[in-house]
Amino acid sequence: MLKSYKTEINPTKEQIQKINRTIGTCRFIYNFYLAHNKEIYDKEKKFISGFSFSKWLNNDFIPNNQEYLWIKDVSSKAVKQSIMNGEKAFKKFFKKESKFPRFKKKNKSDVKVYLPKNNKTDWVVERHRVKIPTLGWTRLKEKGYIPANTNIKSGMVSTKAGRYYVSVLVEECEQNKPNEICNNPIGIDLGVKDFAVCSNERKYKNINKTKEVKKLKKKLKREQKCLSRKYENKKGEATKKNIQKQVLKVQRVHQRLANIRTNYINQVVNEIVKTKPSYITIEDLSVRSMMKNRHLSKAISSQKFYEFRAKLEVKCKENNIELRIVDRWYPSSKLCHKCGNIKTDLKLSDRVYKCECGYEADRDFNASLNLRDAETYRVA
């Protein structure tokens, strides 16, 4: 069983320079591959694979253009992986799974450095440090998080908001956990007012309405205003440095907000799975369609529904719990749990569900009960 671990590292100044140089080179190669493929397609109407581009780059382009010899100064495996990432992006576009690949912009795109395990001495993990290929021993900020003496297949180094992270893929022995489950299934209704309402009468609040998040949002607004003023008064190199410092401040506030939301999702998922239900039922939400509502798009995006579903799927597989996905057109909110009548005139502002049969309950709780008892579903 393969499992990934991601944690923050504390590299030296020399290692930081090497990481930044490698990330910049990988970003340049990725953009170069996209631009070269686009140029060749316009002329010859054909697509160049990543292998063919890598061969042309090393045998023809770099030897004939000495000003690009700096590409050879970084890890060749990291450069090749960035080319293969570009090829994957093109193939997804051809299969109509995504839009046309976009160029990665400096300081705004998430570029990772892929470093495989070539020798036995690569990717050695100890309690407080890890040996990264081409970088050497690097100190870990979270000691003991990555298990020591494990078989690491490969790893990546990335940076975000001035911090550096390492993620490794570890091969672990699969442990079959006993099915200690009870006969109390759970239906979960996700929403904006409350993050999640469960059929076992457990309600999880919206983390974005807490004082800490609201305070950070105000701070983010102030930092963004300060940044826009610096762009307006842009004069000379000294101001450019101040702009870079302010951009870093804005990125750190964004990352802080993202970490709070992700941590809350982890807590909610763990608490739900620890109840050991026989199965869990959720709705297949169309977040893209929900985001079209300009009044709720910001609130919906900050809830991170997709991340919740992805983490819940992983946890259910680890604990042998069946996760049921109900179709997005299932009328969970409009359906009466008691008599089965569908209330077609139900509005979003109606927070209490009132049926003609006399049944009255909270709108979200009624939806969670209907999801729990849904008969048409698919297993994730």
Protein backbone atom coordinates (compact mmCIF):
# COMPACT_ATOMS: atom_id res chain seq x y z
CA MET A 1 0.00 0.00 0.00
CA LEU A 2 1.35 3.40 -1.01
CA LYS A 3 0.83 6.33 1.34
CA SER A 4 1.96 9.94 0.99
CA TYR A 5 3.29 12.25 3.68
CA LYS A 6 3.79 16.00 3.38
CA THR A 7 5.58 18.15 5.93
CA GLU A 8 7.51 21.41 6.19
CA ILE A 9 11.30 21.45 6.00
CA ASN A 10 13.88 23.95 7.26
CA PRO A 11 16.52 24.16 4.48
CA THR A 12 19.77 26.13 4.64
CA LYS A 13 20.41 29.22 2.50
CA GLU A 14 22.36 27.15 -0.05
CA GLN A 15 19.56 24.58 -0.25
CA ILE A 16 16.96 27.36 -0.67
CA GLN A 17 18.92 28.79 -3.60
CA LYS A 18 19.13 25.34 -5.20
CA ILE A 19 15.40 24.67 -4.69
CA ASN A 20 14.43 28.07 -6.16
CA ARG A 21 16.77 27.53 -9.13
CA THR A 22 15.31 24.08 -9.83
CA ILE A 23 11.71 25.32 -9.51
CA GLY A 24 12.46 28.18 -11.89
CA THR A 25 14.05 25.84 -14.42
CA CYS A 26 11.14 23.37 -14.25
CA ARG A 27 8.67 26.23 -14.77
CA PHE A 28 10.67 27.48 -17.79
CA ILE A 29 10.86 23.99 -19.35
CA TYR A 30 7.13 23.41 -18.85
CA ASN A 31 6.29 26.72 -20.56
CA PHE A 32 8.86 26.07 -23.29
CA TYR A 33 7.29 22.67 -24.04
CA LEU A 34 3.81 24.21 -24.33
CA ALA A 35 5.03 27.04 -26.58
CA HIS A 36 7.13 24.70 -28.78
CA ASN A 37 4.24 22.26 -29.21
CA LYS A 38 1.89 25.08 -30.11
CA GLU A 39 4.37 26.43 -32.68
CA ILE A 40 4.92 23.01 -34.29
CA TYR A 41 1.17 22.36 -34.43
CA ASP A 42 0.53 25.68 -36.20
CA LYS A 43 3.18 24.82 -38.83
CA GLU A 44 2.98 21.04 -39.29
CA LYS A 45 -0.34 20.11 -37.59
CA LYS A 46 1.25 17.47 -35.35
CA PHE A 47 1.84 16.90 -31.63
CA ILE A 48 5.30 16.28 -30.13
CA SER A 49 5.45 13.81 -27.24
CA GLY A 50 7.39 14.54 -24.08
CA PHE A 51 10.06 11.96 -24.95
CA SER A 52 10.66 13.48 -28.40
CA PHE A 53 10.86 17.00 -26.93
CA SER A 54 13.33 15.87 -24.25
CA LYS A 55 15.49 14.23 -26.90
CA TRP A 56 15.43 17.36 -29.11
CA LEU A 57 16.14 19.62 -26.11
CA ASN A 58 19.26 17.73 -24.96
CA ASN A 59 20.71 16.78 -28.36
CA ASP A 60 19.85 19.76 -30.58
CA PHE A 61 18.62 22.84 -28.75
CA ILE A 62 21.00 23.19 -25.77
CA PRO A 63 24.25 22.28 -27.69
CA ASN A 64 23.40 24.87 -30.38
CA ASN A 65 22.35 27.55 -27.87
CA GLN A 66 25.08 27.99 -25.28
CA GLU A 67 23.09 30.64 -23.37
CA TYR A 68 20.74 27.86 -22.20
CA LEU A 69 23.41 25.69 -20.60
CA TRP A 70 22.03 26.64 -17.17
CA ILE A 71 19.27 24.06 -17.75
CA LYS A 72 21.90 21.35 -17.17
CA ASP A 73 22.78 22.77 -13.72
CA VAL A 74 19.70 21.28 -12.04
CA SER A 75 18.43 17.70 -11.64
CA SER A 76 17.75 16.11 -15.04
CA LYS A 77 14.96 13.95 -13.56
CA ALA A 78 13.15 17.06 -12.31
CA VAL A 79 13.35 18.61 -15.80
CA LYS A 80 12.07 15.43 -17.46
CA GLN A 81 9.16 15.22 -15.02
CA SER A 82 8.10 18.80 -15.84
CA ILE A 83 8.05 17.81 -19.55
CA MET A 84 5.93 14.76 -18.77
CA ASN A 85 3.55 16.97 -16.74
CA GLY A 86 3.13 19.10 -19.85
CA GLU A 87 2.38 15.99 -21.92
CA LYS A 88 -0.25 14.86 -19.38
CA ALA A 89 -1.88 18.30 -19.57
CA PHE A 90 -2.09 18.04 -23.39
CA LYS A 91 -3.52 14.50 -23.25
CA LYS A 92 -6.21 15.62 -20.79
CA PHE A 93 -7.08 18.43 -23.19
CA PHE A 94 -7.33 16.00 -26.14
CA LYS A 95 -9.64 13.75 -24.09
CA LYS A 96 -11.77 16.83 -23.24
CA GLU A 97 -11.14 16.32 -19.53
CA SER A 98 -9.67 19.81 -19.05
CA LYS A 99 -9.06 23.10 -20.82
CA PHE A 100 -6.04 23.95 -22.97
CA PRO A 101 -2.82 23.93 -20.86
CA ARG A 102 -1.87 27.33 -19.52
CA PHE A 103 1.58 28.77 -18.95
CA LYS A 104 2.87 28.78 -15.38
CA LYS A 105 3.43 32.30 -14.11
CA LYS A 106 6.33 33.14 -11.83
CA ASN A 107 5.47 33.39 -8.10
CA LYS A 108 1.83 32.49 -8.81
CA SER A 109 1.87 28.90 -10.08
CA ASP A 110 2.31 25.80 -7.94
CA VAL A 111 5.48 24.19 -9.36
CA LYS A 112 6.85 21.08 -7.64
CA VAL A 113 10.30 19.51 -8.05
CA TYR A 114 10.14 15.74 -8.64
CA LEU A 115 13.12 13.83 -7.24
CA PRO A 116 13.06 10.00 -7.67
CA LYS A 117 15.00 7.47 -5.66
CA ASN A 118 18.01 6.44 -7.77
CA ASN A 119 20.29 5.03 -5.06
CA LYS A 120 19.83 3.38 -1.69
CA THR A 121 21.30 6.46 -0.01
CA ASP A 122 18.55 8.69 -1.50
CA TRP A 123 15.47 9.56 0.53
CA VAL A 124 16.71 8.29 3.88
CA VAL A 125 14.44 9.43 6.71
CA GLU A 126 15.44 9.96 10.32
CA ARG A 127 13.40 11.42 13.14
CA HIS A 128 14.50 15.02 12.64
CA ARG A 129 15.89 15.08 9.07
CA VAL A 130 15.56 13.64 5.58
CA LYS A 131 18.17 13.06 2.88
CA ILE A 132 16.87 14.55 -0.38
CA PRO A 133 18.61 13.78 -3.72
CA THR A 134 20.78 16.69 -4.97
CA LEU A 135 20.06 18.62 -1.73
CA GLY A 136 21.49 16.34 0.95
CA TRP A 137 20.35 16.22 4.56
CA THR A 138 17.51 18.66 5.29
CA ARG A 139 16.00 19.31 8.70
CA LEU A 140 12.30 18.61 9.32
CA LYS A 141 10.16 21.06 11.28
CA GLU A 142 7.72 18.34 12.40
CA LYS A 143 9.86 15.64 13.94
CA GLY A 144 8.76 12.03 13.67
CA TYR A 145 5.85 12.67 11.29
CA ILE A 146 7.36 10.67 8.42
CA PRO A 147 8.02 7.13 9.73
CA ALA A 148 11.73 6.29 9.84
CA ASN A 149 13.27 3.23 8.15
CA THR A 150 10.54 3.04 5.49
CA ASN A 151 10.77 2.30 1.78
CA ILE A 152 10.35 5.65 0.01
CA LYS A 153 9.60 5.38 -3.72
CA SER A 154 9.92 9.05 -4.69
CA GLY A 155 9.43 12.55 -3.38
CA MET A 156 8.73 16.16 -4.27
CA VAL A 157 9.91 19.50 -2.95
CA SER A 158 7.64 22.54 -3.23
CA THR A 159 7.35 26.08 -1.90
CA LYS A 160 4.37 28.18 -0.90
CA ALA A 161 4.22 31.60 0.74
CA GLY A 162 7.94 31.56 1.54
CA ARG A 163 7.82 28.12 3.18
CA TYR A 164 9.30 24.89 1.84
CA TYR A 165 7.66 21.45 1.94
CA VAL A 166 8.62 17.89 1.14
CA SER A 167 6.12 15.19 0.15
CA VAL A 168 7.18 11.54 -0.07
CA LEU A 169 5.49 8.38 -1.36
CA VAL A 170 6.01 5.55 1.13
CA GLU A 171 5.33 1.85 0.63
CA GLU A 172 3.71 0.42 3.75
CA CYS A 173 2.37 -2.99 4.67
CA GLU A 174 -1.40 -3.08 4.30
CA GLN A 175 -3.10 -3.72 7.59
CA ASN A 176 -6.55 -5.26 7.50
CA LYS A 177 -8.54 -3.48 10.18
CA PRO A 178 -11.36 -5.45 11.81
CA ASN A 179 -14.89 -4.41 10.91
CA GLU A 180 -15.90 -3.00 14.31
CA ILE A 181 -18.99 -1.27 12.97
CA CYS A 182 -22.39 -0.65 14.46
CA ASN A 183 -25.75 -0.71 12.68
CA ASN A 184 -26.25 3.06 12.68
CA PRO A 185 -25.75 4.42 9.16
CA ILE A 186 -25.18 8.15 8.66
CA GLY A 187 -26.48 10.53 6.04
CA ILE A 188 -24.58 13.81 5.62
CA ASP A 189 -26.07 16.97 4.14
CA LEU A 190 -23.48 19.63 3.29
CA GLY A 191 -24.45 23.28 3.27
CA VAL A 192 -23.43 26.91 3.71
CA LYS A 193 -25.27 27.83 6.92
CA ASP A 194 -23.79 24.77 8.67
CA PHE A 195 -20.90 22.88 7.14
CA ALA A 196 -22.48 19.45 7.66
CA VAL A 197 -25.66 18.12 9.28
CA CYS A 198 -25.72 14.39 10.05
CA SER A 199 -28.68 12.08 10.48
CA ASN A 200 -27.45 11.15 13.99
CA GLU A 201 -28.37 14.72 15.05
CA ARG A 202 -24.73 15.85 14.98
CA LYS A 203 -24.23 19.30 13.48
CA TYR A 204 -20.89 20.81 12.41
CA LYS A 205 -20.67 24.59 12.33
CA ASN A 206 -19.39 26.73 9.48
CA ILE A 207 -15.74 27.44 10.34
CA ASN A 208 -15.81 30.60 8.21
CA LYS A 209 -18.18 32.26 10.71
CA THR A 210 -15.75 31.98 13.64
CA LYS A 211 -13.95 35.01 15.10
CA GLU A 212 -10.51 33.75 14.07
CA VAL A 213 -11.41 33.39 10.38
CA LYS A 214 -13.28 36.71 10.30
CA LYS A 215 -10.26 38.43 11.85
CA LEU A 216 -7.97 36.90 9.22
CA LYS A 217 -10.33 37.97 6.43
CA LYS A 218 -10.13 41.58 7.65
CA LYS A 219 -6.36 41.31 7.80
CA LEU A 220 -6.31 39.91 4.25
CA LYS A 221 -8.39 42.86 3.03
CA ARG A 222 -5.95 45.33 4.64
CA GLU A 223 -2.89 43.60 3.18
CA GLN A 224 -4.46 43.48 -0.29
CA LYS A 225 -5.30 47.20 -0.12
CA CYS A 226 -1.72 47.92 0.89
CA LEU A 227 -0.46 45.85 -2.05
CA SER A 228 -2.68 47.67 -4.56
CA ARG A 229 -1.38 51.03 -3.32
CA LYS A 230 2.20 49.89 -3.83
CA TYR A 231 1.38 48.91 -7.44
CA GLU A 232 -0.16 52.33 -8.06
CA ASN A 233 2.94 54.15 -6.73
CA LYS A 234 5.42 51.87 -8.50
CA LYS A 235 8.72 53.80 -8.88
CA GLY A 236 12.19 52.27 -9.10
CA GLU A 237 13.81 49.05 -7.84
CA ALA A 238 13.28 49.85 -4.16
CA THR A 239 9.50 49.80 -4.62
CA LYS A 240 9.69 46.48 -6.49
CA LYS A 241 11.31 44.89 -3.44
CA ASN A 242 8.55 46.30 -1.21
CA ILE A 243 5.94 44.87 -3.60
CA GLN A 244 7.55 41.42 -3.33
CA LYS A 245 7.49 41.66 0.48
CA GLN A 246 3.82 42.66 0.45
CA VAL A 247 2.91 39.84 -1.96
CA LEU A 248 4.50 37.41 0.50
CA LYS A 249 2.39 38.85 3.34
CA VAL A 250 -0.81 38.36 1.32
CA GLN A 251 0.20 34.79 0.44
CA ARG A 252 0.84 33.96 4.09
CA VAL A 253 -2.63 35.12 5.14
CA HIS A 254 -4.17 33.07 2.32
CA GLN A 255 -2.21 30.02 3.44
CA ARG A 256 -3.23 30.54 7.06
CA LEU A 257 -6.91 30.57 6.05
CA ALA A 258 -6.46 27.47 3.89
CA ASN A 259 -4.73 25.61 6.73
CA ILE A 260 -7.54 26.44 9.20
CA ARG A 261 -10.20 25.15 6.78
CA THR A 262 -8.25 21.99 5.91
CA ASN A 263 -7.60 21.23 9.57
CA TYR A 264 -11.31 21.60 10.35
CA ILE A 265 -12.23 19.23 7.51
CA ASN A 266 -9.76 16.65 8.87
CA GLN A 267 -11.34 16.92 12.33
CA VAL A 268 -14.88 16.52 10.96
CA VAL A 269 -13.95 13.49 8.83
CA ASN A 270 -12.14 11.78 11.71
CA GLU A 271 -15.05 12.38 14.09
CA ILE A 272 -17.58 10.95 11.62
CA VAL A 273 -15.50 7.86 10.82
CA LYS A 274 -14.76 7.15 14.52
CA THR A 275 -18.48 6.48 15.11
CA LYS A 276 -18.01 3.29 13.01
CA PRO A 277 -21.25 3.49 10.99
CA SER A 278 -22.35 0.62 8.74
CA TYR A 279 -22.33 3.03 5.80
CA ILE A 280 -22.14 6.78 5.06
CA THR A 281 -24.26 8.50 2.40
CA ILE A 282 -23.46 11.87 0.82
CA GLU A 283 -24.81 13.77 -2.17
CA ASP A 284 -22.94 14.15 -5.47
CA LEU A 285 -22.84 17.95 -5.42
CA SER A 286 -22.20 19.93 -8.61
CA VAL A 287 -19.96 22.61 -7.10
CA ARG A 288 -19.31 24.18 -10.50
CA SER A 289 -23.02 24.82 -11.00
CA MET A 290 -23.41 26.08 -7.44
CA MET A 291 -20.61 28.58 -7.99
CA LYS A 292 -22.66 30.29 -10.71
CA ASN A 293 -24.79 31.88 -8.00
CA ARG A 294 -22.90 35.14 -7.51
CA HIS A 295 -24.49 35.70 -4.09
CA LEU A 296 -23.23 32.37 -2.67
CA SER A 297 -20.14 31.59 -4.79
CA LYS A 298 -17.65 32.99 -2.27
CA ALA A 299 -19.26 31.16 0.67
CA ILE A 300 -19.44 27.88 -1.29
CA SER A 301 -15.78 28.03 -2.42
CA SER A 302 -14.57 28.60 1.16
CA GLN A 303 -16.42 25.46 2.37
CA LYS A 304 -14.16 23.10 0.33
CA PHE A 305 -16.81 20.48 -0.41
CA TYR A 306 -14.58 18.56 -2.87
CA GLU A 307 -11.75 18.29 -0.36
CA PHE A 308 -14.18 16.98 2.26
CA ARG A 309 -15.46 14.29 -0.11
CA ALA A 310 -11.93 13.24 -1.16
CA LYS A 311 -10.74 12.91 2.44
CA LEU A 312 -13.91 11.07 3.44
CA GLU A 313 -13.42 8.54 0.62
CA VAL A 314 -9.86 7.80 1.78
CA LYS A 315 -10.85 7.41 5.43
CA CYS A 316 -13.78 5.13 4.57
CA LYS A 317 -11.50 2.85 2.53
CA GLU A 318 -8.99 2.69 5.38
CA ASN A 319 -11.69 1.72 7.89
CA ASN A 320 -13.72 -0.62 5.58
CA ILE A 321 -16.79 1.64 5.65
CA GLU A 322 -19.07 1.77 2.62
CA LEU A 323 -19.43 5.30 1.19
CA ARG A 324 -22.60 5.77 -0.85
CA ILE A 325 -22.94 8.59 -3.38
CA VAL A 326 -26.50 9.70 -4.20
CA ASP A 327 -27.27 11.33 -7.54
CA ARG A 328 -27.21 15.15 -7.53
CA TRP A 329 -30.82 15.29 -8.80
CA TYR A 330 -32.14 13.32 -5.82
CA PRO A 331 -34.68 15.63 -4.04
CA SER A 332 -33.22 15.19 -0.56
CA SER A 333 -34.30 18.65 0.67
CA LYS A 334 -37.79 18.65 -0.92
CA LEU A 335 -38.70 15.09 0.10
CA CYS A 336 -40.70 14.53 3.29
CA HIS A 337 -38.98 11.86 5.40
CA LYS A 338 -42.27 10.78 7.03
CA CYS A 339 -44.78 10.47 4.16
CA GLY A 340 -42.56 10.70 1.05
CA ASN A 341 -44.32 13.75 -0.39
CA ILE A 342 -42.19 16.10 -2.53
CA LYS A 343 -42.59 19.81 -1.77
CA THR A 344 -41.90 21.46 -5.13
CA ASP A 345 -42.30 25.06 -3.91
CA LEU A 346 -39.55 24.80 -1.26
CA LYS A 347 -37.34 27.92 -1.28
CA LEU A 348 -33.75 28.32 -0.14
CA SER A 349 -34.93 30.75 2.55
CA ASP A 350 -37.21 28.08 4.08
CA ARG A 351 -35.00 26.73 6.86
CA VAL A 352 -37.76 24.61 8.45
CA TYR A 353 -39.42 21.85 6.42
CA LYS A 354 -43.19 21.76 6.96
CA CYS A 355 -45.23 19.04 5.27
CA GLU A 356 -49.02 18.68 4.78
CA CYS A 357 -48.94 15.50 6.88
CA GLY A 358 -47.90 17.52 9.93
CA TYR A 359 -44.21 16.59 9.83
CA GLU A 360 -41.95 19.50 10.80
CA ALA A 361 -38.16 19.42 11.06
CA ASP A 362 -35.02 21.35 10.26
CA ARG A 363 -34.50 21.49 6.51
CA ASP A 364 -30.93 20.14 6.56
CA PHE A 365 -31.70 17.42 9.11
CA ASN A 366 -34.62 16.22 6.95
CA ALA A 367 -32.26 16.09 3.95
CA SER A 368 -29.70 14.03 5.91
CA LEU A 369 -32.39 11.50 6.88
CA ASN A 370 -33.49 11.18 3.25
CA LEU A 371 -29.88 10.66 2.14
CA ARG A 372 -29.38 7.97 4.78
CA ASP A 373 -32.47 6.04 3.57
CA ALA A 374 -31.87 6.60 -0.18
CA GLU A 375 -32.31 3.39 -2.18
CA THR A 376 -30.65 4.52 -5.43
CA TYR A 377 -26.92 5.19 -5.06
CA ARG A 378 -23.47 4.15 -6.19
CA VAL A 379 -20.59 3.04 -4.01
CA ALA A 380 -17.49 5.25 -4.14
